[in-house]
Amino acid sequence: MKVTVIGTGFVGVVSAAVYASFGNQVIGLDIDENKIKLLEKGQVPFYEPDLQELLLEQQAKGKLRFTTSYQEAINEAEIIIIAVGTPSASDGTADLKYVLASAESLAPYLKENAIVVIKSTVPPGTLEKVISVIKEKISTKFYGASLPEFLREGSAVFDTLNPDRIVIGAEDDFVFTKLEELHKTLKAPVVHCKVASAQMAKYTANSYLATRITFINEVANLCEKNGADIEEVIKAIGYDKRIGQHYWYPGLGYGGSCFPKDVKELAAYSRTVGESGNLLNRVDEINKDRIFRLLKKFAEESGGFKDKTIAILGLSFKPNTDDMREAPSTKIIPFLSDKKAKVRSYDPMAKYNPLATDNHQQFSSIEEACENADIIMAVVEWPEIISFDFSKVKNNKKQTFIDCRNQFNPERVKNWQYQYLGIGKR
């Protein structure tokens, strides 16, 4: 099958490489010449485990190539997948300018019976807009569909090859059959549904997971008031099969490229249809305040941040990615700098782009970042961070260890002679 993927960001590159590995002829299309030049050389412009190897393998087999030419990419394509970014507009709604621009640019080259698929996260009604844009340009018969992605950064290749489900939103049996064929290599349930249902499914999944994180953080706040331990609470409720022990992450709140954006966009969408007072709006508000509330609490418990040397361990929004979008560090470091703290940081992959006002320096090792630190803040659970022996960097002065993800044994940290501060526990 001949497939074109428009957009060479995280979702686009992963999708293109995986579809090529199924034996399809795949073209990755982007108007960013620098990104295309890198990809043509087999270089991924971001870090994602196993992706570079897969990319090189499929390029070597002649199954995958990249271009900036719409004509070259669209002319023979049976399936065109739009996987461009949908950033939030100033009012929180999804900005569809890249999706609609892609539709306008591909229209003149669309072949008969081609299927235009939206994989980008978009609200209901978007496919209709895409179809309208294309029909203004051509009279060629084509089809439309929604094919939401459910990938996690840091395990995107694995997730694509081992999906929990494949959701296809369409109106025509031809489209369902064709898109099922595209995914026939995968052993996963296929959900046929309306286009609007497919688009809502993506927003719903991410918003539910974000709500789950927000909920357990609210419970953690209560535990800190009454002496309960949030980890013991999670264990106790987890034996209930309706609840489970998975995906409870008390900490600084959710971040990254998807959860904050998707919750905000679904909340904004709810307001446009007269549901302004719903839960989603409150989840977004609570998460925005979470980090600053915790930082103020940590300051009180550790004797303040002013003139302190503080080590921030973990800069990306989660392990196994270099993605800094909505990462806790992007809020923590400016906050600490504003409090006149000296910030030293470490991350194995991510690079922090400091503001002019940041009193911050990034180092290439945990030891360097922790040198002479008054406070060590473990922000991201990179394996090298949670397995590190922090007794090696303990000095003679009073030091506080802040465990932002509850990954460390409090007694062990205290035995290293640190003051221990965690989430949802005293």
Protein backbone atom coordinates (compact mmCIF):
# COMPACT_ATOMS: atom_id res chain seq x y z
CA MET A 1 0.00 0.00 0.00
CA LYS A 2 1.23 3.54 -0.76
CA VAL A 3 0.98 5.76 2.30
CA THR A 4 1.92 9.39 2.90
CA VAL A 5 2.25 10.87 6.37
CA ILE A 6 2.06 14.66 6.54
CA GLY A 7 3.98 16.06 9.47
CA THR A 8 7.32 14.78 10.78
CA GLY A 9 6.89 15.47 14.45
CA PHE A 10 6.69 12.80 17.12
CA VAL A 11 3.50 11.12 15.84
CA GLY A 12 4.35 11.52 12.16
CA VAL A 13 7.83 10.01 12.20
CA VAL A 14 6.85 7.11 14.43
CA SER A 15 3.79 6.34 12.30
CA ALA A 16 5.72 6.58 9.03
CA ALA A 17 8.48 4.24 10.24
CA VAL A 18 6.05 1.69 11.66
CA TYR A 19 3.77 1.65 8.59
CA ALA A 20 6.90 1.14 6.46
CA SER A 21 7.87 -1.82 8.66
CA PHE A 22 4.56 -3.45 7.69
CA GLY A 23 5.79 -3.59 4.08
CA ASN A 24 4.08 -0.43 2.79
CA GLN A 25 5.72 2.22 0.64
CA VAL A 26 5.70 5.27 2.87
CA ILE A 27 6.59 8.91 2.27
CA GLY A 28 7.00 11.36 5.13
CA LEU A 29 6.11 14.91 4.10
CA ASP A 30 6.97 18.20 5.80
CA ILE A 31 7.53 21.78 4.67
CA ASP A 32 10.41 22.14 7.17
CA GLU A 33 13.46 21.59 4.97
CA ASN A 34 15.87 21.23 7.89
CA LYS A 35 13.84 18.41 9.44
CA ILE A 36 13.57 16.63 6.10
CA LYS A 37 17.33 16.88 5.52
CA LEU A 38 17.98 15.29 8.91
CA LEU A 39 15.45 12.52 8.31
CA GLU A 40 16.86 11.78 4.86
CA LYS A 41 20.16 11.12 6.64
CA GLY A 42 18.40 8.79 9.06
CA GLN A 43 18.61 11.27 11.94
CA VAL A 44 15.57 11.73 14.18
CA PRO A 45 15.28 15.38 15.35
CA PHE A 46 14.13 14.29 18.84
CA TYR A 47 14.88 11.44 21.22
CA GLU A 48 12.59 8.41 21.19
CA PRO A 49 13.87 4.91 22.12
CA ASP A 50 14.19 2.45 19.19
CA LEU A 51 12.98 4.95 16.59
CA GLN A 52 16.31 5.77 14.96
CA GLU A 53 17.08 2.09 14.39
CA LEU A 54 13.65 1.47 12.87
CA LEU A 55 13.98 4.53 10.66
CA LEU A 56 17.38 3.49 9.29
CA GLU A 57 16.20 -0.07 8.75
CA GLN A 58 13.18 0.96 6.66
CA GLN A 59 15.18 3.51 4.67
CA ALA A 60 17.76 0.86 3.88
CA LYS A 61 14.98 -1.44 2.63
CA GLY A 62 13.66 1.32 0.39
CA LYS A 63 10.30 1.37 2.17
CA LEU A 64 10.56 4.85 3.65
CA ARG A 65 11.62 8.22 2.29
CA PHE A 66 11.02 11.89 3.05
CA THR A 67 10.23 14.95 0.96
CA THR A 68 9.05 18.56 1.10
CA SER A 69 7.08 18.19 -2.17
CA TYR A 70 3.32 17.75 -1.89
CA GLN A 71 3.12 16.70 -5.51
CA GLU A 72 5.70 13.95 -5.05
CA ALA A 73 4.13 12.72 -1.81
CA ILE A 74 0.43 12.83 -2.72
CA ASN A 75 0.23 11.89 -6.42
CA GLU A 76 0.22 8.10 -5.95
CA ALA A 77 -0.82 7.84 -2.31
CA GLU A 78 -3.77 5.60 -1.48
CA ILE A 79 -3.86 6.78 2.12
CA ILE A 80 -2.80 10.26 3.25
CA ILE A 81 -2.41 10.65 7.00
CA ILE A 82 -2.44 14.16 8.44
CA ALA A 83 -0.28 14.14 11.60
CA VAL A 84 0.58 17.81 11.99
CA GLY A 85 0.50 19.74 15.25
CA THR A 86 -2.68 21.18 16.72
CA PRO A 87 -1.46 23.68 19.32
CA SER A 88 -3.96 25.33 21.62
CA ALA A 89 -5.19 28.79 20.61
CA SER A 90 -5.27 31.64 23.13
CA ASP A 91 -8.81 30.68 24.21
CA GLY A 92 -7.78 27.05 24.79
CA THR A 93 -9.44 25.62 21.68
CA ALA A 94 -7.48 23.55 19.16
CA ASP A 95 -5.77 25.67 16.51
CA LEU A 96 -6.49 23.84 13.26
CA LYS A 97 -4.45 26.06 10.94
CA TYR A 98 -1.84 23.37 10.18
CA VAL A 99 -4.47 20.69 9.57
CA LEU A 100 -6.44 22.91 7.19
CA ALA A 101 -3.27 24.15 5.45
CA SER A 102 -2.26 20.53 4.84
CA ALA A 103 -5.69 19.80 3.36
CA GLU A 104 -5.46 22.79 1.04
CA SER A 105 -1.94 21.86 -0.10
CA LEU A 106 -2.66 18.17 -0.76
CA ALA A 107 -5.95 18.74 -2.62
CA PRO A 108 -4.59 19.41 -6.15
CA TYR A 109 -2.65 16.13 -6.19
CA LEU A 110 -5.24 13.77 -4.70
CA LYS A 111 -5.89 10.63 -6.74
CA GLU A 112 -9.28 9.00 -7.26
CA ASN A 113 -10.60 7.11 -4.20
CA ALA A 114 -7.73 8.19 -1.95
CA ILE A 115 -8.46 8.30 1.77
CA VAL A 116 -7.54 11.43 3.75
CA VAL A 117 -7.07 10.44 7.37
CA ILE A 118 -6.70 12.76 10.35
CA LYS A 119 -4.38 11.34 12.99
CA SER A 120 -3.81 14.69 14.69
CA THR A 121 -5.81 15.29 17.86
CA VAL A 122 -8.76 17.41 16.76
CA PRO A 123 -12.29 18.18 18.02
CA PRO A 124 -15.45 16.83 16.40
CA GLY A 125 -16.31 18.64 13.20
CA THR A 126 -12.71 18.93 11.98
CA LEU A 127 -12.91 16.23 9.30
CA GLU A 128 -15.93 17.98 7.80
CA LYS A 129 -13.85 21.17 7.57
CA VAL A 130 -10.97 19.27 5.90
CA ILE A 131 -13.32 17.68 3.37
CA SER A 132 -14.85 21.08 2.62
CA VAL A 133 -11.42 22.65 2.02
CA ILE A 134 -10.46 19.85 -0.40
CA LYS A 135 -13.78 19.95 -2.26
CA GLU A 136 -13.31 23.66 -2.91
CA LYS A 137 -10.17 22.74 -4.90
CA ILE A 138 -11.11 19.54 -6.74
CA SER A 139 -14.03 17.37 -7.89
CA THR A 140 -12.08 14.11 -7.55
CA LYS A 141 -13.83 11.44 -5.49
CA PHE A 142 -12.08 10.81 -2.18
CA TYR A 143 -12.87 9.64 1.33
CA GLY A 144 -12.22 10.93 4.83
CA ALA A 145 -11.55 9.23 8.17
CA SER A 146 -10.31 9.74 11.70
CA LEU A 147 -7.55 7.50 13.07
CA PRO A 148 -6.52 8.80 16.50
CA GLU A 149 -3.17 7.83 17.98
CA PHE A 150 -2.69 6.63 21.55
CA LEU A 151 1.10 6.76 21.85
CA ARG A 152 3.17 7.48 24.92
CA GLU A 153 6.39 9.40 24.48
CA GLY A 154 9.27 7.22 25.61
CA SER A 155 7.59 4.02 24.39
CA ALA A 156 5.98 5.16 21.13
CA VAL A 157 7.47 2.48 18.87
CA PHE A 158 6.43 -0.27 21.27
CA ASP A 159 2.97 1.25 21.68
CA THR A 160 2.44 1.48 17.92
CA LEU A 161 3.47 -2.13 17.42
CA ASN A 162 1.48 -3.34 20.44
CA PRO A 163 -1.66 -1.19 20.61
CA ASP A 164 -4.50 -1.76 23.06
CA ARG A 165 -6.93 -0.97 20.24
CA ILE A 166 -7.19 0.62 16.81
CA VAL A 167 -9.96 3.19 16.52
CA ILE A 168 -11.28 3.97 13.03
CA GLY A 169 -13.85 6.70 12.57
CA ALA A 170 -15.50 6.66 9.15
CA GLU A 171 -18.79 6.41 7.27
CA ASP A 172 -17.89 4.08 4.39
CA ASP A 173 -17.24 0.32 4.39
CA PHE A 174 -14.49 0.91 1.81
CA VAL A 175 -12.61 3.09 4.30
CA PHE A 176 -13.02 0.67 7.21
CA THR A 177 -11.74 -2.20 5.03
CA LYS A 178 -8.78 -0.22 3.71
CA LEU A 179 -7.66 1.05 7.12
CA GLU A 180 -8.07 -2.38 8.68
CA GLU A 181 -5.82 -3.73 5.93
CA LEU A 182 -3.23 -1.06 6.80
CA HIS A 183 -3.16 -2.40 10.38
CA LYS A 184 -3.60 -6.13 9.64
CA THR A 185 -0.11 -6.92 10.96
CA LEU A 186 -1.21 -5.86 14.45
CA LYS A 187 -3.05 -8.17 16.81
CA ALA A 188 -5.40 -5.68 18.42
CA PRO A 189 -9.14 -5.07 18.63
CA VAL A 190 -10.42 -2.73 15.92
CA VAL A 191 -13.16 -0.29 16.88
CA HIS A 192 -15.41 0.97 14.08
CA CYS A 193 -17.24 4.14 15.01
CA LYS A 194 -18.48 7.52 13.87
CA VAL A 195 -15.85 10.12 13.04
CA ALA A 196 -16.93 12.30 15.97
CA SER A 197 -16.71 9.32 18.32
CA ALA A 198 -13.13 8.59 17.23
CA GLN A 199 -12.13 12.19 17.81
CA MET A 200 -13.82 12.26 21.22
CA ALA A 201 -12.18 8.94 22.16
CA LYS A 202 -8.70 10.48 21.98
CA TYR A 203 -9.63 13.52 24.05
CA THR A 204 -11.54 11.34 26.50
CA ALA A 205 -8.68 8.90 27.07
CA ASN A 206 -6.13 11.62 27.80
CA SER A 207 -8.52 13.69 29.87
CA TYR A 208 -9.49 10.68 31.98
CA LEU A 209 -5.84 9.83 32.69
CA ALA A 210 -5.12 13.46 33.53
CA THR A 211 -8.15 13.51 35.83
CA ARG A 212 -6.90 10.35 37.54
CA ILE A 213 -3.56 12.05 38.25
CA THR A 214 -5.34 15.18 39.48
CA PHE A 215 -7.62 13.11 41.72
CA ILE A 216 -4.78 11.26 43.44
CA ASN A 217 -2.92 14.54 43.94
CA GLU A 218 -5.97 15.95 45.70
CA VAL A 219 -6.06 12.86 47.93
CA ALA A 220 -2.31 13.29 48.58
CA ASN A 221 -3.02 16.82 49.83
CA LEU A 222 -5.43 15.36 52.38
CA CYS A 223 -2.91 12.70 53.43
CA GLU A 224 -0.39 15.42 54.26
CA LYS A 225 -2.97 17.00 56.56
CA ASN A 226 -3.95 13.88 58.48
CA GLY A 227 -0.83 11.71 58.59
CA ALA A 228 -1.91 9.08 56.08
CA ASP A 229 0.60 7.82 53.49
CA ILE A 230 -0.60 8.18 49.89
CA GLU A 231 1.34 5.11 48.75
CA GLU A 232 -0.39 2.99 51.40
CA VAL A 233 -3.74 4.44 50.35
CA ILE A 234 -3.05 3.53 46.69
CA LYS A 235 -2.13 -0.01 47.70
CA ALA A 236 -5.29 -0.35 49.79
CA ILE A 237 -7.69 0.88 47.09
CA GLY A 238 -5.86 -0.93 44.30
CA TYR A 239 -7.16 -4.35 45.29
CA ASP A 240 -10.60 -3.19 44.22
CA LYS A 241 -10.85 -4.53 40.66
CA ARG A 242 -12.90 -1.50 39.65
CA ILE A 243 -9.98 0.76 40.57
CA GLY A 244 -6.68 -1.12 40.23
CA GLN A 245 -3.19 -0.11 41.36
CA HIS A 246 -2.04 1.12 37.95
CA TYR A 247 -1.72 4.71 36.81
CA TRP A 248 -1.73 6.43 40.18
CA TYR A 249 1.04 9.01 39.99
CA PRO A 250 1.02 11.45 42.91
CA GLY A 251 3.49 14.23 42.20
CA LEU A 252 3.81 17.64 40.63
CA GLY A 253 0.87 17.19 38.27
CA TYR A 254 0.66 16.11 34.65
CA GLY A 255 2.77 17.67 31.90
CA GLY A 256 4.02 16.93 28.40
CA SER A 257 2.74 17.58 24.92
CA CYS A 258 -0.66 15.87 25.26
CA PHE A 259 -2.36 15.92 28.66
CA PRO A 260 -2.24 19.68 29.35
CA LYS A 261 -3.18 20.53 25.76
CA ASP A 262 -5.93 17.93 25.40
CA VAL A 263 -7.58 18.69 28.74
CA LYS A 264 -7.46 22.41 27.96
CA GLU A 265 -8.88 21.86 24.47
CA LEU A 266 -11.66 19.55 25.61
CA ALA A 267 -12.53 22.01 28.39
CA ALA A 268 -12.60 24.84 25.83
CA TYR A 269 -14.70 22.72 23.47
CA SER A 270 -17.13 22.02 26.32
CA ARG A 271 -17.56 25.75 26.83
CA THR A 272 -18.44 26.26 23.16
CA VAL A 273 -21.31 23.78 23.49
CA GLY A 274 -22.67 25.22 26.73
CA GLU A 275 -20.94 22.96 29.27
CA SER A 276 -18.69 25.55 30.90
CA GLY A 277 -19.15 24.30 34.46
CA ASN A 278 -18.02 20.73 33.92
CA LEU A 279 -15.23 18.78 35.64
CA LEU A 280 -12.71 19.23 32.80
CA ASN A 281 -12.46 22.97 33.39
CA ARG A 282 -11.66 22.40 37.05
CA VAL A 283 -9.05 19.70 36.33
CA ASP A 284 -7.16 22.13 34.11
CA GLU A 285 -7.23 24.83 36.80
CA ILE A 286 -6.08 22.50 39.59
CA ASN A 287 -3.15 21.20 37.56
CA LYS A 288 -1.95 24.71 36.71
CA ASP A 289 -1.73 25.56 40.42
CA ARG A 290 -0.23 22.25 41.55
CA ILE A 291 3.51 22.93 41.16
CA PHE A 292 3.44 26.37 42.74
CA ARG A 293 1.42 25.12 45.69
CA LEU A 294 3.94 22.34 46.30
CA LEU A 295 6.96 24.61 45.86
CA LYS A 296 5.61 26.96 48.51
CA LYS A 297 5.06 24.00 50.84
CA PHE A 298 8.58 22.65 50.19
CA ALA A 299 10.02 26.11 50.88
CA GLU A 300 8.29 26.26 54.25
CA GLU A 301 9.41 22.77 55.24
CA SER A 302 13.04 23.18 54.11
CA GLY A 303 13.71 26.65 55.50
CA GLY A 304 13.19 28.62 52.30
CA PHE A 305 14.92 28.79 48.91
CA LYS A 306 16.61 32.18 49.11
CA ASP A 307 20.41 31.98 48.61
CA LYS A 308 20.23 28.17 48.56
CA THR A 309 21.96 25.96 45.99
CA ILE A 310 19.31 23.63 44.59
CA ALA A 311 19.91 20.60 42.36
CA ILE A 312 17.09 19.78 39.94
CA LEU A 313 17.35 16.19 38.72
CA GLY A 314 15.24 15.57 35.61
CA LEU A 315 14.31 18.28 33.12
CA SER A 316 12.06 16.51 30.59
CA PHE A 317 8.38 16.02 31.38
CA LYS A 318 8.89 12.26 31.87
CA PRO A 319 11.63 9.60 31.50
CA ASN A 320 12.84 8.31 28.11
CA THR A 321 12.17 11.53 26.21
CA ASP A 322 13.87 14.87 25.67
CA ASP A 323 10.50 16.63 25.34
CA MET A 324 10.38 19.78 27.47
CA ARG A 325 6.80 20.77 26.66
CA GLU A 326 4.95 21.56 29.89
CA ALA A 327 7.77 19.90 31.85
CA PRO A 328 7.76 20.68 35.60
CA SER A 329 11.33 22.00 35.30
CA THR A 330 10.15 24.85 33.06
CA LYS A 331 8.10 26.16 35.99
CA ILE A 332 10.35 25.11 38.87
CA ILE A 333 13.58 26.72 37.66
CA PRO A 334 12.15 30.22 37.01
CA PHE A 335 10.30 30.03 40.35
CA LEU A 336 13.51 29.15 42.23
CA SER A 337 15.50 31.79 40.37
CA ASP A 338 12.92 34.37 41.30
CA LYS A 339 13.43 33.34 44.94
CA LYS A 340 17.18 34.08 44.55
CA ALA A 341 18.22 30.43 44.58
CA LYS A 342 21.20 29.12 42.60
CA VAL A 343 19.96 26.26 40.42
CA ARG A 344 22.08 23.36 39.14
CA SER A 345 20.46 20.66 37.02
CA TYR A 346 20.95 17.32 35.31
CA ASP A 347 19.05 15.31 32.69
CA PRO A 348 20.41 12.46 30.54
CA MET A 349 18.65 13.68 27.38
CA ALA A 350 16.78 16.97 27.71
CA LYS A 351 18.41 20.38 27.37
CA TYR A 352 16.94 23.28 29.31
CA ASN A 353 16.65 26.57 27.46
CA PRO A 354 17.00 29.11 30.28
CA LEU A 355 15.24 32.42 30.51
CA ALA A 356 17.46 35.49 30.80
CA THR A 357 16.43 35.80 34.46
CA ASP A 358 17.22 32.17 35.36
CA ASN A 359 20.13 31.67 37.74
CA HIS A 360 20.72 28.21 36.34
CA GLN A 361 23.44 25.93 35.04
CA GLN A 362 23.00 22.44 33.56
CA PHE A 363 25.60 19.71 34.18
CA SER A 364 26.41 16.39 32.56
CA SER A 365 26.32 14.25 35.70
CA ILE A 366 24.29 13.87 38.87
CA GLU A 367 27.44 14.37 40.96
CA GLU A 368 28.18 17.73 39.35
CA ALA A 369 24.58 18.93 39.66
CA CYS A 370 24.48 18.01 43.36
CA GLU A 371 27.81 19.61 44.25
CA ASN A 372 27.41 21.77 47.36
CA ALA A 373 23.61 21.53 47.11
CA ASP A 374 21.45 22.60 50.02
CA ILE A 375 18.41 20.97 48.43
CA ILE A 376 18.23 18.06 45.97
CA MET A 377 14.97 17.81 44.09
CA ALA A 378 14.35 14.52 42.21
CA VAL A 379 11.81 15.67 39.62
CA VAL A 380 11.79 12.94 36.94
CA GLU A 381 12.15 9.19 37.54
CA TRP A 382 14.95 8.52 35.04
CA PRO A 383 16.48 5.12 35.97
CA GLU A 384 19.92 6.66 36.58
CA ILE A 385 18.38 9.12 39.03
CA ILE A 386 16.28 6.72 41.10
CA SER A 387 19.11 4.15 41.26
CA PHE A 388 21.77 6.69 42.26
CA ASP A 389 23.40 6.41 45.68
CA PHE A 390 22.90 9.90 47.09
CA SER A 391 25.12 9.17 50.07
CA LYS A 392 27.95 9.91 47.61
CA VAL A 393 26.95 13.56 47.36
CA LYS A 394 26.02 14.15 51.00
CA ASN A 395 28.01 16.99 52.53
CA ASN A 396 28.38 18.16 56.12
CA LYS A 397 25.69 20.82 56.08
CA LYS A 398 21.96 20.32 56.53
CA GLN A 399 20.50 19.08 53.23
CA THR A 400 16.94 18.44 52.11
CA PHE A 401 15.97 15.73 49.63
CA ILE A 402 12.68 16.39 47.85
CA ASP A 403 11.20 13.28 46.24
CA CYS A 404 8.73 14.69 43.71
CA ARG A 405 7.66 11.28 42.43
CA ASN A 406 7.76 9.14 45.61
CA GLN A 407 10.42 6.93 44.04
CA PHE A 408 12.77 6.72 47.03
CA ASN A 409 12.56 4.89 50.34
CA PRO A 410 12.17 7.66 52.93
CA GLU A 411 14.05 5.73 55.63
CA ARG A 412 16.99 5.12 53.31
CA VAL A 413 17.17 8.81 52.43
CA LYS A 414 17.01 9.72 56.11
CA ASN A 415 19.80 7.23 56.83
CA TRP A 416 21.90 9.19 54.35
CA GLN A 417 21.32 12.11 56.76
CA TYR A 418 18.99 14.11 54.51
CA GLN A 419 15.73 15.71 55.51
CA TYR A 420 13.18 13.81 53.37
CA LEU A 421 10.16 15.48 51.78
CA GLY A 422 7.77 13.49 49.58
CA ILE A 423 4.26 13.75 48.17
CA GLY A 424 1.21 12.82 50.26
CA LYS A 425 3.16 11.74 53.33
CA ARG A 426 4.66 13.34 56.42
